[in-house]
N, C-alpha and C. Protein backbone atom coordinates (compact mmCIF):
# COMPACT_ATOMS: atom_id res chain seq x y z
N MET A 1 -27.19 0.41 -0.56
CA MET A 1 -26.20 -0.70 0.00
C MET A 1 -25.27 0.05 1.52
N THR A 2 -25.31 0.01 2.26
CA THR A 2 -24.25 0.73 3.01
C THR A 2 -22.74 -0.10 3.35
N ARG A 3 -22.18 0.96 3.20
CA ARG A 3 -20.39 -0.24 3.42
C ARG A 3 -19.94 0.43 4.93
N SER A 4 -19.56 -1.27 5.44
CA SER A 4 -19.11 -0.56 6.76
C SER A 4 -17.67 -0.60 7.03
N ASN A 5 -17.63 0.30 7.93
CA ASN A 5 -15.99 0.74 8.14
C ASN A 5 -14.98 -1.00 8.91
N ASN A 6 -16.06 -1.69 9.05
CA ASN A 6 -14.94 -3.14 9.53
C ASN A 6 -14.52 -3.66 8.91
N PRO A 7 -13.07 -4.66 9.21
CA PRO A 7 -12.47 -5.41 8.08
C PRO A 7 -13.89 -6.19 8.26
N ARG A 8 -13.41 -7.41 7.20
CA ARG A 8 -14.26 -8.34 6.52
C ARG A 8 -12.66 -9.41 7.26
N LEU A 9 -13.60 -9.95 8.77
CA LEU A 9 -13.00 -11.69 8.89
C LEU A 9 -13.48 -12.71 8.98
N THR A 10 -12.63 -14.12 9.10
CA THR A 10 -13.64 -15.28 8.94
C THR A 10 -13.51 -15.41 10.29
N CYS A 11 -14.95 -16.48 10.66
CA CYS A 11 -14.26 -17.62 11.55
C CYS A 11 -13.08 -18.29 11.53
N PRO A 12 -11.84 -19.15 12.47
CA PRO A 12 -11.35 -20.05 11.58
C PRO A 12 -11.57 -21.29 11.75
N HIS A 13 -12.89 -21.44 12.70
CA HIS A 13 -13.95 -22.39 12.76
C HIS A 13 -14.65 -23.05 11.56
N CYS A 14 -15.95 -22.13 11.03
CA CYS A 14 -16.83 -22.36 10.46
C CYS A 14 -16.70 -21.22 9.00
N GLY A 15 -15.85 -20.52 9.07
CA GLY A 15 -15.46 -20.08 7.94
C GLY A 15 -16.37 -18.31 7.48
N GLY A 16 -17.46 -18.30 8.59
CA GLY A 16 -18.69 -17.06 8.80
C GLY A 16 -18.38 -15.80 9.12
N PHE A 17 -19.00 -15.22 8.79
CA PHE A 17 -18.41 -13.46 9.46
C PHE A 17 -17.84 -13.72 11.10
N ALA A 18 -17.05 -13.12 11.21
CA ALA A 18 -16.74 -12.41 12.34
C ALA A 18 -16.59 -10.93 12.65
N ARG A 19 -16.94 -10.88 13.87
CA ARG A 19 -16.07 -9.54 14.35
C ARG A 19 -15.74 -9.17 15.38
N ILE A 20 -15.18 -7.50 15.55
CA ILE A 20 -14.31 -7.27 16.72
C ILE A 20 -15.65 -7.10 17.67
N ARG A 21 -15.18 -7.27 18.41
CA ARG A 21 -16.58 -6.83 19.39
C ARG A 21 -16.07 -5.40 20.78
N ARG A 22 -14.22 -5.95 20.51
CA ARG A 22 -14.34 -4.59 21.53
C ARG A 22 -12.25 -4.53 20.79
N SER A 23 -11.91 -3.39 20.86
CA SER A 23 -10.28 -3.69 20.87
C SER A 23 -9.93 -2.12 21.54
N LYS A 24 -8.48 -2.10 21.98
CA LYS A 24 -8.03 -1.45 22.07
C LYS A 24 -6.82 -1.05 22.19
N GLY A 25 -5.53 -0.11 21.34
CA GLY A 25 -4.63 -0.16 21.25
C GLY A 25 -3.44 0.39 22.09
N LEU A 26 -2.81 -0.30 22.10
CA LEU A 26 -1.27 -0.60 22.98
C LEU A 26 -0.98 0.48 22.70
N THR A 27 -0.66 0.56 21.55
CA THR A 27 0.92 1.38 20.79
C THR A 27 0.41 2.17 19.65
N PRO A 28 1.23 3.14 19.00
CA PRO A 28 0.37 3.90 17.79
C PRO A 28 0.08 2.92 16.25
N ILE A 29 0.73 1.55 16.78
CA ILE A 29 0.56 0.18 15.24
C ILE A 29 0.27 -1.15 16.25
N TYR A 30 -0.40 -1.19 16.91
CA TYR A 30 -0.75 -2.41 17.68
C TYR A 30 -1.57 -2.03 18.20
N ARG A 31 -2.46 -3.00 18.25
CA ARG A 31 -4.26 -3.59 18.32
C ARG A 31 -4.29 -5.03 18.65
N GLU A 32 -5.79 -4.47 20.20
CA GLU A 32 -5.55 -6.26 20.82
C GLU A 32 -6.87 -5.76 20.48
N GLY A 33 -7.73 -7.27 20.70
CA GLY A 33 -9.33 -7.34 20.89
C GLY A 33 -9.96 -8.93 20.61
N VAL A 34 -11.28 -8.63 20.85
CA VAL A 34 -12.05 -9.69 20.91
C VAL A 34 -12.73 -10.43 19.59
N LEU A 35 -12.82 -11.36 19.07
CA LEU A 35 -13.59 -10.84 17.80
C LEU A 35 -14.19 -13.01 18.47
N GLU A 36 -15.04 -12.55 17.88
CA GLU A 36 -16.46 -13.25 17.73
C GLU A 36 -17.37 -13.55 16.24
N CYS A 37 -17.79 -14.74 16.36
CA CYS A 37 -18.55 -15.59 15.08
C CYS A 37 -20.34 -15.19 15.49
N ARG A 38 -20.19 -14.56 13.83
CA ARG A 38 -21.45 -14.19 14.11
C ARG A 38 -22.76 -14.84 13.72
N ASP A 39 -22.15 -16.12 13.67
CA ASP A 39 -23.15 -17.68 13.18
C ASP A 39 -23.46 -18.26 14.85
N ALA A 40 -24.73 -17.83 15.39
CA ALA A 40 -24.74 -18.08 16.70
C ALA A 40 -25.18 -19.68 16.50
N GLU A 41 -24.53 -20.60 16.37
CA GLU A 41 -24.79 -22.22 15.75
C GLU A 41 -22.75 -22.31 16.12
N CYS A 42 -22.11 -21.01 16.11
CA CYS A 42 -20.71 -21.93 16.19
C CYS A 42 -20.71 -21.05 17.17
N GLY A 43 -21.04 -19.99 17.45
CA GLY A 43 -20.80 -19.45 18.60
C GLY A 43 -18.78 -19.03 19.57
N TRP A 44 -18.29 -19.00 18.25
CA TRP A 44 -16.69 -19.15 18.92
C TRP A 44 -16.60 -17.89 19.32
N ARG A 45 -15.33 -17.93 20.03
CA ARG A 45 -14.84 -16.22 20.09
C ARG A 45 -13.47 -16.57 20.64
N GLY A 46 -12.72 -15.58 20.21
CA GLY A 46 -11.08 -15.21 20.61
C GLY A 46 -10.51 -14.30 20.49
N ASN A 47 -9.28 -14.38 20.73
CA ASN A 47 -8.42 -12.69 20.61
C ASN A 47 -7.87 -12.74 19.36
N VAL A 48 -7.83 -11.76 19.17
CA VAL A 48 -6.96 -10.92 17.89
C VAL A 48 -6.02 -9.80 18.22
N ALA A 49 -5.84 -9.62 17.27
CA ALA A 49 -4.31 -8.79 17.75
C ALA A 49 -4.03 -8.39 16.08
N PHE A 50 -3.97 -6.73 15.54
CA PHE A 50 -3.62 -5.89 14.99
C PHE A 50 -1.91 -5.48 14.55
N GLU A 51 -1.44 -5.18 13.84
CA GLU A 51 -0.27 -4.85 13.69
C GLU A 51 -0.03 -4.28 13.02
N ILE A 52 0.35 -2.77 12.35
CA ILE A 52 0.72 -2.12 11.57
C ILE A 52 1.92 -2.51 11.16
N THR A 53 3.00 -3.33 10.35
CA THR A 53 4.11 -4.02 9.84
C THR A 53 4.86 -3.58 9.26
N GLN A 54 4.56 -2.28 7.75
CA GLN A 54 4.99 -1.31 6.94
C GLN A 54 4.67 -0.18 6.61
N THR A 55 5.53 0.51 5.80
CA THR A 55 4.76 1.95 5.42
C THR A 55 4.97 1.58 3.63
N LEU A 56 3.24 1.62 2.94
CA LEU A 56 3.32 1.26 1.57
C LEU A 56 3.49 3.32 0.97
N SER A 57 2.74 4.52 1.88
CA SER A 57 3.08 5.38 0.92
C SER A 57 3.13 6.12 2.26
N PRO A 58 3.87 7.25 2.18
CA PRO A 58 4.38 8.18 3.44
C PRO A 58 3.52 9.16 3.74
N SER A 59 3.32 9.49 4.95
CA SER A 59 2.64 10.20 5.26
C SER A 59 3.11 11.97 5.73
N LEU A 60 1.80 12.36 5.21
CA LEU A 60 2.17 13.96 5.00
C LEU A 60 2.19 14.14 6.13
N LYS A 61 1.86 13.99 7.28
CA LYS A 61 1.82 14.23 8.46
C LYS A 61 2.02 13.59 9.52
N PRO A 62 3.52 13.04 9.45
CA PRO A 62 4.14 11.61 10.35
C PRO A 62 4.52 11.79 11.68
N ASN A 63 4.38 10.95 12.21
CA ASN A 63 4.75 10.93 13.81
C ASN A 63 5.41 11.09 14.22
N PRO A 64 7.14 11.46 14.93
CA PRO A 64 7.97 10.87 15.20
C PRO A 64 8.19 10.21 16.20
N GLU A 65 7.27 9.44 16.99
CA GLU A 65 7.98 8.20 17.83
C GLU A 65 7.02 7.14 16.62
N VAL A 66 6.28 6.65 16.03
CA VAL A 66 6.31 5.49 14.99
C VAL A 66 7.52 5.36 14.16
N ARG A 67 7.69 4.27 13.96
CA ARG A 67 9.63 4.02 13.79
C ARG A 67 8.42 3.03 12.27
N LEU A 68 8.08 2.87 11.26
CA LEU A 68 7.77 1.71 10.11
C LEU A 68 8.63 2.19 9.40
N PRO A 69 8.89 0.25 9.00
CA PRO A 69 9.63 -0.21 7.84
C PRO A 69 9.27 0.11 7.00
N LEU A 70 10.00 1.13 5.97
CA LEU A 70 9.24 0.84 4.49
C LEU A 70 9.04 -0.51 3.07
N SER A 71 8.24 -0.24 2.73
CA SER A 71 7.61 -1.53 1.94
C SER A 71 9.14 -1.96 0.83
N PRO A 72 8.94 -2.97 0.40
CA PRO A 72 10.34 -2.91 -0.67
C PRO A 72 10.06 -1.79 -2.28
N GLY A 73 9.02 -1.42 -2.46
CA GLY A 73 8.43 -1.23 -3.17
C GLY A 73 8.48 0.57 -3.25
N LEU A 74 8.52 0.96 -2.14
CA LEU A 74 8.15 2.30 -1.60
C LEU A 74 9.86 2.40 -1.94
N ARG A 75 10.85 1.82 -1.12
CA ARG A 75 12.23 1.95 -0.95
C ARG A 75 12.35 2.00 -2.19
N GLU A 76 12.32 1.13 -3.18
CA GLU A 76 13.26 1.56 -5.18
C GLU A 76 12.30 2.89 -5.47
N GLN A 77 11.23 3.22 -5.38
CA GLN A 77 10.64 4.21 -5.55
C GLN A 77 11.86 5.88 -5.21
N LEU A 78 11.49 5.60 -4.17
CA LEU A 78 12.50 6.67 -3.34
C LEU A 78 13.69 6.54 -3.68
N VAL A 79 14.49 5.36 -3.78
CA VAL A 79 15.92 5.69 -4.07
C VAL A 79 15.71 5.85 -5.71
N ALA A 80 15.05 5.37 -6.71
CA ALA A 80 14.32 6.23 -7.69
C ALA A 80 14.76 7.83 -7.89
N GLU A 81 13.77 8.00 -7.39
CA GLU A 81 13.84 9.85 -6.90
C GLU A 81 14.77 10.41 -7.38
N SER A 82 15.70 9.55 -6.09
CA SER A 82 16.75 10.46 -5.37
C SER A 82 17.84 10.32 -6.43
N ASN A 83 18.01 9.89 -7.41
CA ASN A 83 19.00 9.54 -8.50
C ASN A 83 18.67 10.91 -9.52
């Protein structure tokens, strides 16, 4: 069984699998695209947006242009390590 790298999304109408047909990155943390239901009997299509909202684990190669808040758990861990 091959595993897809695409996220599993569902159609908001029929609940079937939906796929991203195309997308474009507008910033390093934000993408917009077109989502399409794979159920031919449903046929729904719509716009989708993805945004990275926080850091769960810090990067070893950080981009200085990217400013993401730390998750509460990571913040607590870093504070505990600094004491």
